Amino acid sequence: MKELTKKQERVLAFLQRRVRKTGKAPTYREIAAELRIDVRSAYQHVEALERKGFVERTGRRIELLGDHRPERGIPVVGRVAAGSPILAIENVEEHVDLAREFDDDDAFFLRVRGDSMTGAGINDGDLVLVRPQPRVENGRIAAVIVGEEATVKRVFLRKNRIELRPENPAHRTMVYGPDDDVRIAGKVVMTMRRL
């Protein structure tokens, strides 16, 4: 691959920043505004980047290629001992892309109230991400609508009943029959907590 001019380096760096932040490349107009050049010059710089193997253009779409495509997400920087922390960029094991976790357009968050699920690491005030689905496998944690109230419990489907089990011995299992107004809203797939 050929070397880049200073302007091409700036265009490439801007493309990488935007892709890292939003998941897609900027438009030629956005490139022009960022670099304070006209749109035609922005187009020519991207065209040069394509000739040099840094990007590929499909119509108006610009895609970064190979090693020039930035990692998306929050880095997992490895394990840390209980002693001194090891947070060097060289220790990055992977990146966790939160956008990919939330890619279901129907997914929603519920804020947890109460302590019935603390044994599963779900505490009062946490947010749980729920992926909507009418059934879950036995033993899975789900958001369940009971009457007009939502609750988060471990679900066990039996022949003629549904059991909602807490993960705290101070709370009791709730059992509902076929005549009760109970339905599964979806599977809990993630818990988030601000520290």
N, C-alpha and C. Protein backbone atom coordinates (compact mmCIF):
# COMPACT_ATOMS: atom_id res chain seq x y z
N MET A 1 0.83 -1.18 0.00
CA MET A 1 0.00 0.00 0.00
C MET A 1 0.87 1.25 0.00
N LYS A 2 0.45 2.24 -0.74
CA LYS A 2 1.21 3.47 -0.87
C LYS A 2 1.01 4.34 0.36
N GLU A 3 1.97 5.27 0.55
CA GLU A 3 1.87 6.20 1.67
C GLU A 3 0.77 7.22 1.41
N LEU A 4 0.27 7.79 2.50
CA LEU A 4 -0.81 8.76 2.41
C LEU A 4 -0.27 10.18 2.55
N THR A 5 -0.96 11.11 1.91
CA THR A 5 -0.66 12.53 2.12
C THR A 5 -1.25 12.92 3.48
N LYS A 6 -0.87 14.10 3.96
CA LYS A 6 -1.39 14.58 5.25
C LYS A 6 -2.91 14.69 5.22
N LYS A 7 -3.47 15.21 4.12
CA LYS A 7 -4.92 15.35 4.01
C LYS A 7 -5.59 13.98 4.01
N GLN A 8 -5.00 13.02 3.28
CA GLN A 8 -5.56 11.67 3.24
C GLN A 8 -5.51 11.03 4.62
N GLU A 9 -4.44 11.26 5.36
CA GLU A 9 -4.35 10.74 6.74
C GLU A 9 -5.46 11.32 7.60
N ARG A 10 -5.73 12.62 7.43
CA ARG A 10 -6.80 13.27 8.20
C ARG A 10 -8.17 12.72 7.82
N VAL A 11 -8.38 12.47 6.52
CA VAL A 11 -9.65 11.89 6.08
C VAL A 11 -9.80 10.49 6.66
N LEU A 12 -8.74 9.68 6.58
CA LEU A 12 -8.80 8.32 7.11
C LEU A 12 -9.06 8.33 8.61
N ALA A 13 -8.37 9.22 9.34
CA ALA A 13 -8.57 9.30 10.79
C ALA A 13 -10.01 9.69 11.12
N PHE A 14 -10.58 10.62 10.36
CA PHE A 14 -11.96 11.03 10.59
C PHE A 14 -12.92 9.87 10.29
N LEU A 15 -12.67 9.16 9.20
CA LEU A 15 -13.50 7.98 8.88
C LEU A 15 -13.47 6.98 10.03
N GLN A 16 -12.27 6.71 10.54
CA GLN A 16 -12.13 5.73 11.63
C GLN A 16 -12.84 6.20 12.90
N ARG A 17 -12.70 7.48 13.25
CA ARG A 17 -13.39 8.01 14.45
C ARG A 17 -14.89 7.87 14.31
N ARG A 18 -15.41 8.23 13.15
CA ARG A 18 -16.86 8.20 12.94
C ARG A 18 -17.37 6.76 12.96
N VAL A 19 -16.64 5.84 12.32
CA VAL A 19 -17.07 4.43 12.31
C VAL A 19 -17.01 3.86 13.72
N ARG A 20 -15.97 4.21 14.46
CA ARG A 20 -15.85 3.73 15.84
C ARG A 20 -17.02 4.23 16.68
N LYS A 21 -17.41 5.48 16.47
CA LYS A 21 -18.46 6.09 17.29
C LYS A 21 -19.86 5.68 16.86
N THR A 22 -20.14 5.65 15.55
CA THR A 22 -21.51 5.44 15.09
C THR A 22 -21.74 4.14 14.35
N GLY A 23 -20.65 3.47 13.94
CA GLY A 23 -20.80 2.24 13.19
C GLY A 23 -20.90 2.44 11.69
N LYS A 24 -20.92 3.71 11.23
CA LYS A 24 -20.96 3.94 9.79
C LYS A 24 -20.10 5.14 9.43
N ALA A 25 -19.68 5.15 8.17
CA ALA A 25 -18.79 6.22 7.70
C ALA A 25 -19.59 7.50 7.48
N PRO A 26 -18.90 8.65 7.56
CA PRO A 26 -19.57 9.92 7.29
C PRO A 26 -19.83 10.10 5.80
N THR A 27 -20.66 11.07 5.47
CA THR A 27 -20.91 11.41 4.07
C THR A 27 -19.77 12.28 3.57
N TYR A 28 -19.70 12.46 2.26
CA TYR A 28 -18.68 13.35 1.68
C TYR A 28 -18.87 14.77 2.21
N ARG A 29 -20.11 15.19 2.38
CA ARG A 29 -20.39 16.53 2.90
C ARG A 29 -19.86 16.67 4.33
N GLU A 30 -20.02 15.63 5.15
CA GLU A 30 -19.51 15.67 6.53
C GLU A 30 -18.00 15.68 6.56
N ILE A 31 -17.38 14.93 5.65
CA ILE A 31 -15.91 14.92 5.55
C ILE A 31 -15.44 16.33 5.18
N ALA A 32 -16.10 16.93 4.20
CA ALA A 32 -15.73 18.27 3.76
C ALA A 32 -15.85 19.28 4.90
N ALA A 33 -16.94 19.19 5.67
CA ALA A 33 -17.15 20.12 6.78
C ALA A 33 -16.08 19.93 7.86
N GLU A 34 -15.75 18.68 8.16
CA GLU A 34 -14.75 18.39 9.19
C GLU A 34 -13.37 18.93 8.80
N LEU A 35 -12.99 18.76 7.54
CA LEU A 35 -11.66 19.16 7.09
C LEU A 35 -11.63 20.57 6.49
N ARG A 36 -12.80 21.22 6.43
CA ARG A 36 -12.91 22.56 5.87
C ARG A 36 -12.39 22.62 4.43
N ILE A 37 -12.91 21.67 3.64
CA ILE A 37 -12.61 21.62 2.22
C ILE A 37 -13.93 21.50 1.48
N ASP A 38 -13.90 21.59 0.17
CA ASP A 38 -15.15 21.44 -0.56
C ASP A 38 -15.46 19.95 -0.76
N VAL A 39 -16.71 19.67 -1.11
CA VAL A 39 -17.18 18.29 -1.24
C VAL A 39 -16.40 17.55 -2.34
N ARG A 40 -16.08 18.24 -3.42
CA ARG A 40 -15.33 17.61 -4.51
C ARG A 40 -13.96 17.13 -4.03
N SER A 41 -13.28 17.96 -3.21
CA SER A 41 -11.97 17.56 -2.67
C SER A 41 -12.12 16.36 -1.73
N ALA A 42 -13.18 16.35 -0.92
CA ALA A 42 -13.42 15.23 -0.03
C ALA A 42 -13.59 13.95 -0.85
N TYR A 43 -14.35 14.04 -1.93
CA TYR A 43 -14.57 12.90 -2.81
C TYR A 43 -13.24 12.41 -3.38
N GLN A 44 -12.40 13.35 -3.82
CA GLN A 44 -11.11 12.98 -4.41
C GLN A 44 -10.19 12.31 -3.39
N HIS A 45 -10.20 12.78 -2.15
CA HIS A 45 -9.36 12.16 -1.11
C HIS A 45 -9.83 10.73 -0.82
N VAL A 46 -11.15 10.54 -0.75
CA VAL A 46 -11.68 9.19 -0.51
C VAL A 46 -11.36 8.29 -1.70
N GLU A 47 -11.45 8.83 -2.89
CA GLU A 47 -11.10 8.08 -4.11
C GLU A 47 -9.64 7.64 -4.05
N ALA A 48 -8.75 8.52 -3.59
CA ALA A 48 -7.34 8.18 -3.44
C ALA A 48 -7.15 7.08 -2.38
N LEU A 49 -7.90 7.18 -1.28
CA LEU A 49 -7.82 6.15 -0.23
C LEU A 49 -8.26 4.79 -0.78
N GLU A 50 -9.24 4.80 -1.67
CA GLU A 50 -9.69 3.55 -2.28
C GLU A 50 -8.60 2.97 -3.18
N ARG A 51 -7.98 3.81 -4.01
CA ARG A 51 -6.89 3.34 -4.88
C ARG A 51 -5.75 2.73 -4.08
N LYS A 52 -5.50 3.28 -2.89
CA LYS A 52 -4.39 2.81 -2.04
C LYS A 52 -4.78 1.65 -1.14
N GLY A 53 -6.05 1.20 -1.22
CA GLY A 53 -6.47 0.00 -0.49
C GLY A 53 -6.94 0.20 0.93
N PHE A 54 -7.27 1.45 1.30
CA PHE A 54 -7.71 1.72 2.66
C PHE A 54 -9.23 1.63 2.82
N VAL A 55 -9.95 1.97 1.75
CA VAL A 55 -11.41 1.96 1.79
C VAL A 55 -11.96 1.33 0.51
N GLU A 56 -13.24 1.03 0.57
CA GLU A 56 -13.95 0.57 -0.62
C GLU A 56 -15.23 1.38 -0.69
N ARG A 57 -15.56 1.85 -1.91
CA ARG A 57 -16.77 2.65 -2.09
C ARG A 57 -17.80 1.83 -2.87
N THR A 58 -19.02 1.89 -2.40
CA THR A 58 -20.16 1.29 -3.10
C THR A 58 -21.22 2.36 -3.19
N GLY A 59 -21.35 2.94 -4.36
CA GLY A 59 -22.27 4.07 -4.50
C GLY A 59 -21.78 5.20 -3.61
N ARG A 60 -22.65 5.65 -2.69
CA ARG A 60 -22.25 6.72 -1.76
C ARG A 60 -21.68 6.17 -0.46
N ARG A 61 -21.68 4.88 -0.33
CA ARG A 61 -21.24 4.26 0.93
C ARG A 61 -19.73 4.06 0.91
N ILE A 62 -19.09 4.36 2.04
CA ILE A 62 -17.64 4.19 2.20
C ILE A 62 -17.42 3.14 3.29
N GLU A 63 -16.59 2.15 3.00
CA GLU A 63 -16.31 1.11 3.99
C GLU A 63 -14.81 1.00 4.20
N LEU A 64 -14.39 1.03 5.45
CA LEU A 64 -12.97 0.84 5.78
C LEU A 64 -12.61 -0.62 5.59
N LEU A 65 -11.39 -0.87 5.14
CA LEU A 65 -10.97 -2.23 4.85
C LEU A 65 -9.93 -2.73 5.84
N GLY A 66 -9.95 -4.04 6.08
CA GLY A 66 -8.92 -4.74 6.85
C GLY A 66 -8.57 -4.11 8.17
N ASP A 67 -7.27 -3.92 8.38
CA ASP A 67 -6.75 -3.37 9.64
C ASP A 67 -7.14 -1.92 9.87
N HIS A 68 -7.65 -1.27 8.85
CA HIS A 68 -8.02 0.13 8.97
C HIS A 68 -9.41 0.30 9.57
N ARG A 69 -10.14 -0.81 9.67
CA ARG A 69 -11.46 -0.80 10.30
C ARG A 69 -11.25 -0.82 11.81
N PRO A 70 -11.74 0.20 12.53
CA PRO A 70 -11.49 0.24 13.97
C PRO A 70 -12.33 -0.78 14.72
N GLU A 71 -11.80 -1.23 15.85
CA GLU A 71 -12.57 -2.09 16.75
C GLU A 71 -13.67 -1.25 17.34
N ARG A 72 -14.87 -1.81 17.45
CA ARG A 72 -15.97 -1.09 18.07
C ARG A 72 -16.21 -1.67 19.44
N GLY A 73 -16.71 -0.84 20.30
CA GLY A 73 -17.10 -1.31 21.62
C GLY A 73 -16.11 -0.92 22.69
N ILE A 74 -16.39 -1.39 23.88
CA ILE A 74 -15.58 -1.09 25.05
C ILE A 74 -14.54 -2.18 25.20
N PRO A 75 -13.26 -1.82 25.36
CA PRO A 75 -12.24 -2.86 25.43
C PRO A 75 -12.29 -3.66 26.73
N VAL A 76 -12.06 -4.97 26.60
CA VAL A 76 -11.85 -5.84 27.75
C VAL A 76 -10.34 -5.94 27.87
N VAL A 77 -9.79 -5.38 28.94
CA VAL A 77 -8.35 -5.23 29.02
C VAL A 77 -7.64 -6.35 29.78
N GLY A 78 -8.29 -7.46 29.94
CA GLY A 78 -7.64 -8.61 30.55
C GLY A 78 -8.01 -8.76 32.01
N ARG A 79 -7.31 -9.66 32.65
CA ARG A 79 -7.58 -9.93 34.06
C ARG A 79 -6.70 -9.04 34.92
N VAL A 80 -7.18 -8.74 36.09
CA VAL A 80 -6.39 -7.92 36.99
C VAL A 80 -6.29 -8.64 38.33
N ALA A 81 -5.10 -8.63 38.88
CA ALA A 81 -4.89 -9.26 40.17
C ALA A 81 -5.53 -8.42 41.25
N ALA A 82 -5.73 -9.00 42.41
CA ALA A 82 -6.30 -8.26 43.52
C ALA A 82 -5.33 -7.19 44.01
N GLY A 83 -4.08 -7.31 43.58
CA GLY A 83 -3.08 -6.31 43.97
C GLY A 83 -3.16 -5.10 43.08
N SER A 84 -2.13 -4.89 42.27
CA SER A 84 -2.09 -3.68 41.45
C SER A 84 -2.83 -3.89 40.13
N PRO A 85 -3.53 -2.85 39.67
CA PRO A 85 -4.28 -2.97 38.42
C PRO A 85 -3.36 -2.98 37.20
N ILE A 86 -3.83 -3.65 36.16
CA ILE A 86 -3.08 -3.73 34.91
C ILE A 86 -4.01 -3.21 33.82
N LEU A 87 -3.93 -1.94 33.51
CA LEU A 87 -4.84 -1.36 32.52
C LEU A 87 -4.04 -0.73 31.39
N ALA A 88 -3.26 -1.52 30.71
CA ALA A 88 -2.50 -1.02 29.57
C ALA A 88 -3.21 -1.42 28.29
N ILE A 89 -3.16 -0.57 27.31
CA ILE A 89 -3.84 -0.84 26.05
C ILE A 89 -3.31 -2.11 25.39
N GLU A 90 -2.06 -2.47 25.70
CA GLU A 90 -1.48 -3.68 25.12
C GLU A 90 -2.18 -4.95 25.60
N ASN A 91 -2.93 -4.85 26.70
CA ASN A 91 -3.59 -6.02 27.27
C ASN A 91 -5.01 -6.22 26.76
N VAL A 92 -5.43 -5.49 25.75
CA VAL A 92 -6.80 -5.62 25.25
C VAL A 92 -7.01 -7.03 24.70
N GLU A 93 -7.99 -7.75 25.25
CA GLU A 93 -8.32 -9.10 24.79
C GLU A 93 -9.39 -9.08 23.72
N GLU A 94 -10.35 -8.17 23.83
CA GLU A 94 -11.46 -8.07 22.89
C GLU A 94 -12.16 -6.76 23.13
N HIS A 95 -13.15 -6.47 22.30
CA HIS A 95 -14.00 -5.30 22.49
C HIS A 95 -15.44 -5.80 22.63
N VAL A 96 -16.17 -5.24 23.57
CA VAL A 96 -17.57 -5.58 23.75
C VAL A 96 -18.39 -4.47 23.10
N ASP A 97 -19.12 -4.83 22.06
CA ASP A 97 -19.91 -3.87 21.30
C ASP A 97 -21.32 -3.82 21.89
N LEU A 98 -21.58 -2.81 22.70
CA LEU A 98 -22.90 -2.71 23.34
C LEU A 98 -24.00 -2.51 22.31
N ALA A 99 -23.67 -1.86 21.20
CA ALA A 99 -24.69 -1.67 20.16
C ALA A 99 -25.20 -3.01 19.65
N ARG A 100 -24.30 -3.98 19.55
CA ARG A 100 -24.71 -5.31 19.08
C ARG A 100 -25.63 -5.97 20.10
N GLU A 101 -25.40 -5.71 21.39
CA GLU A 101 -26.25 -6.29 22.43
C GLU A 101 -27.67 -5.72 22.36
N PHE A 102 -27.77 -4.49 21.86
CA PHE A 102 -29.06 -3.82 21.83
C PHE A 102 -29.64 -3.77 20.43
N ASP A 103 -29.25 -4.71 19.56
CA ASP A 103 -29.66 -4.62 18.17
C ASP A 103 -31.10 -5.04 17.92
N ASP A 104 -31.77 -5.57 18.90
CA ASP A 104 -33.18 -5.93 18.74
C ASP A 104 -34.03 -4.68 18.94
N ASP A 105 -34.71 -4.24 17.87
CA ASP A 105 -35.50 -3.01 17.94
C ASP A 105 -36.59 -3.07 18.99
N ASP A 106 -37.05 -4.26 19.35
CA ASP A 106 -38.14 -4.40 20.31
C ASP A 106 -37.66 -4.53 21.75
N ALA A 107 -36.34 -4.68 21.95
CA ALA A 107 -35.81 -4.86 23.30
C ALA A 107 -36.10 -3.61 24.14
N PHE A 108 -36.22 -3.82 25.44
CA PHE A 108 -36.51 -2.70 26.33
C PHE A 108 -35.86 -2.95 27.68
N PHE A 109 -35.69 -1.87 28.44
CA PHE A 109 -35.16 -1.94 29.79
C PHE A 109 -36.28 -1.85 30.81
N LEU A 110 -36.10 -2.53 31.92
CA LEU A 110 -36.96 -2.37 33.09
C LEU A 110 -36.05 -2.03 34.26
N ARG A 111 -36.48 -1.10 35.11
CA ARG A 111 -35.72 -0.80 36.31
C ARG A 111 -36.25 -1.68 37.43
N VAL A 112 -35.37 -2.39 38.09
CA VAL A 112 -35.74 -3.35 39.14
C VAL A 112 -36.01 -2.61 40.44
N ARG A 113 -37.09 -3.00 41.09
CA ARG A 113 -37.42 -2.48 42.42
C ARG A 113 -37.51 -3.68 43.35
N GLY A 114 -36.80 -3.65 44.44
CA GLY A 114 -36.84 -4.74 45.40
C GLY A 114 -35.60 -5.60 45.36
N ASP A 115 -35.56 -6.58 46.27
CA ASP A 115 -34.35 -7.40 46.44
C ASP A 115 -34.59 -8.89 46.22
N SER A 116 -35.65 -9.25 45.50
CA SER A 116 -35.97 -10.67 45.37
C SER A 116 -35.01 -11.43 44.44
N MET A 117 -34.18 -10.73 43.65
CA MET A 117 -33.29 -11.41 42.71
C MET A 117 -31.81 -11.16 43.00
N THR A 118 -31.50 -10.78 44.23
CA THR A 118 -30.10 -10.47 44.55
C THR A 118 -29.18 -11.67 44.40
N GLY A 119 -29.70 -12.87 44.61
CA GLY A 119 -28.88 -14.08 44.45
C GLY A 119 -28.43 -14.30 43.01
N ALA A 120 -29.12 -13.68 42.06
CA ALA A 120 -28.74 -13.77 40.65
C ALA A 120 -27.97 -12.53 40.22
N GLY A 121 -27.59 -11.70 41.19
CA GLY A 121 -26.82 -10.50 40.87
C GLY A 121 -27.66 -9.35 40.35
N ILE A 122 -28.97 -9.41 40.54
CA ILE A 122 -29.87 -8.33 40.11
C ILE A 122 -30.35 -7.61 41.36
N ASN A 123 -29.93 -6.36 41.50
CA ASN A 123 -30.20 -5.60 42.71
C ASN A 123 -31.22 -4.49 42.49
N ASP A 124 -31.73 -3.97 43.58
CA ASP A 124 -32.67 -2.86 43.54
C ASP A 124 -32.03 -1.69 42.79
N GLY A 125 -32.74 -1.15 41.81
CA GLY A 125 -32.24 -0.03 41.03
C GLY A 125 -31.53 -0.41 39.75
N ASP A 126 -31.18 -1.69 39.58
CA ASP A 126 -30.52 -2.13 38.34
C ASP A 126 -31.47 -2.01 37.15
N LEU A 127 -30.89 -1.89 35.98
CA LEU A 127 -31.68 -1.98 34.74
C LEU A 127 -31.48 -3.37 34.17
N VAL A 128 -32.55 -4.01 33.75
CA VAL A 128 -32.43 -5.30 33.05
C VAL A 128 -32.89 -5.10 31.61
N LEU A 129 -32.12 -5.64 30.68
CA LEU A 129 -32.49 -5.59 29.27
C LEU A 129 -33.33 -6.81 28.96
N VAL A 130 -34.51 -6.59 28.41
CA VAL A 130 -35.45 -7.67 28.13
C VAL A 130 -35.61 -7.82 26.62
N ARG A 131 -35.40 -9.03 26.13
CA ARG A 131 -35.65 -9.35 24.72
C ARG A 131 -37.04 -9.97 24.65
N PRO A 132 -37.99 -9.29 24.01
CA PRO A 132 -39.37 -9.79 24.01
C PRO A 132 -39.50 -11.17 23.37
N GLN A 133 -40.19 -12.05 24.06
CA GLN A 133 -40.54 -13.38 23.55
C GLN A 133 -41.58 -13.97 24.48
N PRO A 134 -42.54 -14.71 23.94
CA PRO A 134 -43.66 -15.19 24.76
C PRO A 134 -43.33 -16.40 25.62
N ARG A 135 -42.21 -17.07 25.34
CA ARG A 135 -41.83 -18.25 26.13
C ARG A 135 -40.33 -18.18 26.42
N VAL A 136 -39.94 -18.80 27.53
CA VAL A 136 -38.52 -18.93 27.87
C VAL A 136 -38.27 -20.36 28.33
N GLU A 137 -37.03 -20.78 28.27
CA GLU A 137 -36.67 -22.10 28.74
C GLU A 137 -36.81 -22.15 30.27
N ASN A 138 -37.16 -23.32 30.79
CA ASN A 138 -37.28 -23.47 32.25
C ASN A 138 -35.99 -23.05 32.93
N GLY A 139 -36.14 -22.29 34.00
CA GLY A 139 -34.99 -21.86 34.79
C GLY A 139 -34.39 -20.54 34.34
N ARG A 140 -34.88 -19.98 33.23
CA ARG A 140 -34.35 -18.70 32.75
C ARG A 140 -34.98 -17.54 33.52
N ILE A 141 -34.25 -16.45 33.61
CA ILE A 141 -34.79 -15.26 34.24
C ILE A 141 -35.56 -14.48 33.18
N ALA A 142 -36.77 -14.06 33.54
CA ALA A 142 -37.62 -13.39 32.57
C ALA A 142 -38.37 -12.25 33.24
N ALA A 143 -38.84 -11.33 32.41
CA ALA A 143 -39.79 -10.32 32.85
C ALA A 143 -41.17 -10.90 32.62
N VAL A 144 -41.98 -10.89 33.66
CA VAL A 144 -43.30 -11.50 33.61
C VAL A 144 -44.33 -10.46 34.02
N ILE A 145 -45.44 -10.40 33.29
CA ILE A 145 -46.53 -9.49 33.62
C ILE A 145 -47.57 -10.27 34.42
N VAL A 146 -47.82 -9.82 35.63
CA VAL A 146 -48.83 -10.42 36.50
C VAL A 146 -49.90 -9.36 36.73
N GLY A 147 -51.06 -9.57 36.10
CA GLY A 147 -52.09 -8.53 36.13
C GLY A 147 -51.59 -7.34 35.34
N GLU A 148 -51.36 -6.23 36.04
CA GLU A 148 -50.83 -5.03 35.38
C GLU A 148 -49.44 -4.68 35.88
N GLU A 149 -48.84 -5.57 36.66
CA GLU A 149 -47.52 -5.32 37.23
C GLU A 149 -46.47 -6.19 36.55
N ALA A 150 -45.26 -5.67 36.40
CA ALA A 150 -44.15 -6.45 35.84
C ALA A 150 -43.25 -6.90 36.98
N THR A 151 -42.72 -8.11 36.87
CA THR A 151 -41.78 -8.62 37.85
C THR A 151 -40.68 -9.37 37.11
N VAL A 152 -39.53 -9.48 37.73
CA VAL A 152 -38.42 -10.26 37.18
C VAL A 152 -38.17 -11.42 38.11
N LYS A 153 -38.28 -12.63 37.56
CA LYS A 153 -38.10 -13.85 38.36
C LYS A 153 -37.54 -14.96 37.47
N ARG A 154 -37.07 -16.01 38.11
CA ARG A 154 -36.69 -17.23 37.39
C ARG A 154 -37.97 -17.99 37.11
N VAL A 155 -38.18 -18.37 35.85
CA VAL A 155 -39.46 -18.94 35.41
C VAL A 155 -39.35 -20.46 35.24
N PHE A 156 -40.36 -21.14 35.78
CA PHE A 156 -40.48 -22.59 35.57
C PHE A 156 -41.89 -22.87 35.09
N LEU A 157 -41.99 -23.42 33.90
CA LEU A 157 -43.29 -23.74 33.32
C LEU A 157 -43.61 -25.19 33.64
N ARG A 158 -44.73 -25.41 34.29
CA ARG A 158 -45.20 -26.75 34.64
C ARG A 158 -46.43 -27.05 33.80
N LYS A 159 -46.99 -28.26 33.96
CA LYS A 159 -48.12 -28.68 33.13
C LYS A 159 -49.27 -27.68 33.14
N ASN A 160 -49.76 -27.32 34.30
CA ASN A 160 -50.91 -26.42 34.40
C ASN A 160 -50.61 -25.17 35.22
N ARG A 161 -49.34 -24.83 35.36
CA ARG A 161 -49.02 -23.67 36.17
C ARG A 161 -47.67 -23.08 35.76
N ILE A 162 -47.45 -21.89 36.24
CA ILE A 162 -46.16 -21.22 36.04
C ILE A 162 -45.64 -20.83 37.42
N GLU A 163 -44.38 -21.17 37.66
CA GLU A 163 -43.75 -20.81 38.94
C GLU A 163 -42.76 -19.68 38.69
N LEU A 164 -42.84 -18.66 39.53
CA LEU A 164 -41.92 -17.54 39.47
C LEU A 164 -41.09 -17.57 40.74
N ARG A 165 -39.84 -18.00 40.58
CA ARG A 165 -38.99 -18.19 41.76
C ARG A 165 -38.04 -17.01 41.95
N PRO A 166 -37.99 -16.50 43.17
CA PRO A 166 -37.03 -15.43 43.47
C PRO A 166 -35.64 -16.04 43.70
N GLU A 167 -34.64 -15.19 43.73
CA GLU A 167 -33.26 -15.62 44.05
C GLU A 167 -32.84 -14.97 45.36
N ASN A 168 -33.74 -15.04 46.32
CA ASN A 168 -33.48 -14.52 47.65
C ASN A 168 -34.37 -15.32 48.59
N PRO A 169 -33.79 -16.04 49.55
CA PRO A 169 -34.59 -16.89 50.43
C PRO A 169 -35.61 -16.14 51.28
N ALA A 170 -35.50 -14.83 51.37
CA ALA A 170 -36.48 -14.05 52.13
C ALA A 170 -37.80 -13.89 51.38
N HIS A 171 -37.81 -14.28 50.11
CA HIS A 171 -39.02 -14.16 49.30
C HIS A 171 -39.52 -15.55 48.91
N ARG A 172 -40.81 -15.66 48.70
CA ARG A 172 -41.38 -16.98 48.38
C ARG A 172 -41.67 -17.11 46.89
N THR A 173 -41.72 -18.35 46.43
CA THR A 173 -42.07 -18.65 45.04
C THR A 173 -43.54 -18.33 44.82
N MET A 174 -43.83 -17.71 43.70
CA MET A 174 -45.22 -17.40 43.33
C MET A 174 -45.67 -18.45 42.31
N VAL A 175 -46.85 -19.02 42.51
CA VAL A 175 -47.38 -20.03 41.61
C VAL A 175 -48.71 -19.55 41.05
N TYR A 176 -48.83 -19.64 39.72
CA TYR A 176 -50.06 -19.19 39.06
C TYR A 176 -50.60 -20.30 38.18
N GLY A 177 -51.92 -20.37 38.10
CA GLY A 177 -52.58 -21.37 37.27
C GLY A 177 -53.05 -20.81 35.95
N PRO A 178 -53.72 -21.66 35.14
CA PRO A 178 -54.15 -21.24 33.80
C PRO A 178 -55.20 -20.12 33.81
N ASP A 179 -55.91 -19.94 34.90
CA ASP A 179 -56.93 -18.88 34.95
C ASP A 179 -56.37 -17.54 35.42
N ASP A 180 -55.12 -17.52 35.86
CA ASP A 180 -54.52 -16.28 36.34
C ASP A 180 -54.03 -15.44 35.15
N ASP A 181 -54.03 -14.13 35.35
CA ASP A 181 -53.61 -13.18 34.32
C ASP A 181 -52.09 -13.01 34.39
N VAL A 182 -51.36 -13.97 33.78
CA VAL A 182 -49.90 -13.99 33.81
C VAL A 182 -49.38 -14.26 32.41
N ARG A 183 -48.39 -13.47 31.98
CA ARG A 183 -47.77 -13.75 30.69
C ARG A 183 -46.31 -13.34 30.74
N ILE A 184 -45.50 -14.04 29.97
CA ILE A 184 -44.07 -13.74 29.88
C ILE A 184 -43.88 -12.59 28.89
N ALA A 185 -43.20 -11.55 29.34
CA ALA A 185 -42.93 -10.40 28.47
C ALA A 185 -41.66 -10.63 27.66
N GLY A 186 -40.70 -11.34 28.25
CA GLY A 186 -39.45 -11.59 27.52
C GLY A 186 -38.35 -12.09 28.43
N LYS A 187 -37.26 -12.48 27.80
CA LYS A 187 -36.11 -13.02 28.52
C LYS A 187 -35.17 -11.90 28.93
N VAL A 188 -34.70 -11.93 30.17
CA VAL A 188 -33.71 -10.97 30.64
C VAL A 188 -32.36 -11.42 30.10
N VAL A 189 -31.70 -10.54 29.34
CA VAL A 189 -30.44 -10.91 28.69
C VAL A 189 -29.24 -10.15 29.23
N MET A 190 -29.49 -9.10 30.01
CA MET A 190 -28.37 -8.33 30.54
C MET A 190 -28.83 -7.50 31.73
N THR A 191 -27.92 -7.28 32.66
CA THR A 191 -28.17 -6.41 33.79
C THR A 191 -27.17 -5.27 33.75
N MET A 192 -27.63 -4.05 33.98
CA MET A 192 -26.73 -2.90 34.03
C MET A 192 -26.92 -2.18 35.35
N ARG A 193 -25.80 -1.73 35.88
CA ARG A 193 -25.82 -1.05 37.19
C ARG A 193 -24.83 0.09 37.17
N ARG A 194 -25.27 1.26 37.61
CA ARG A 194 -24.33 2.38 37.76
C ARG A 194 -23.68 2.28 39.12
N LEU A 195 -22.39 2.45 39.16
CA LEU A 195 -21.67 2.38 40.44
C LEU A 195 -21.36 3.76 40.95
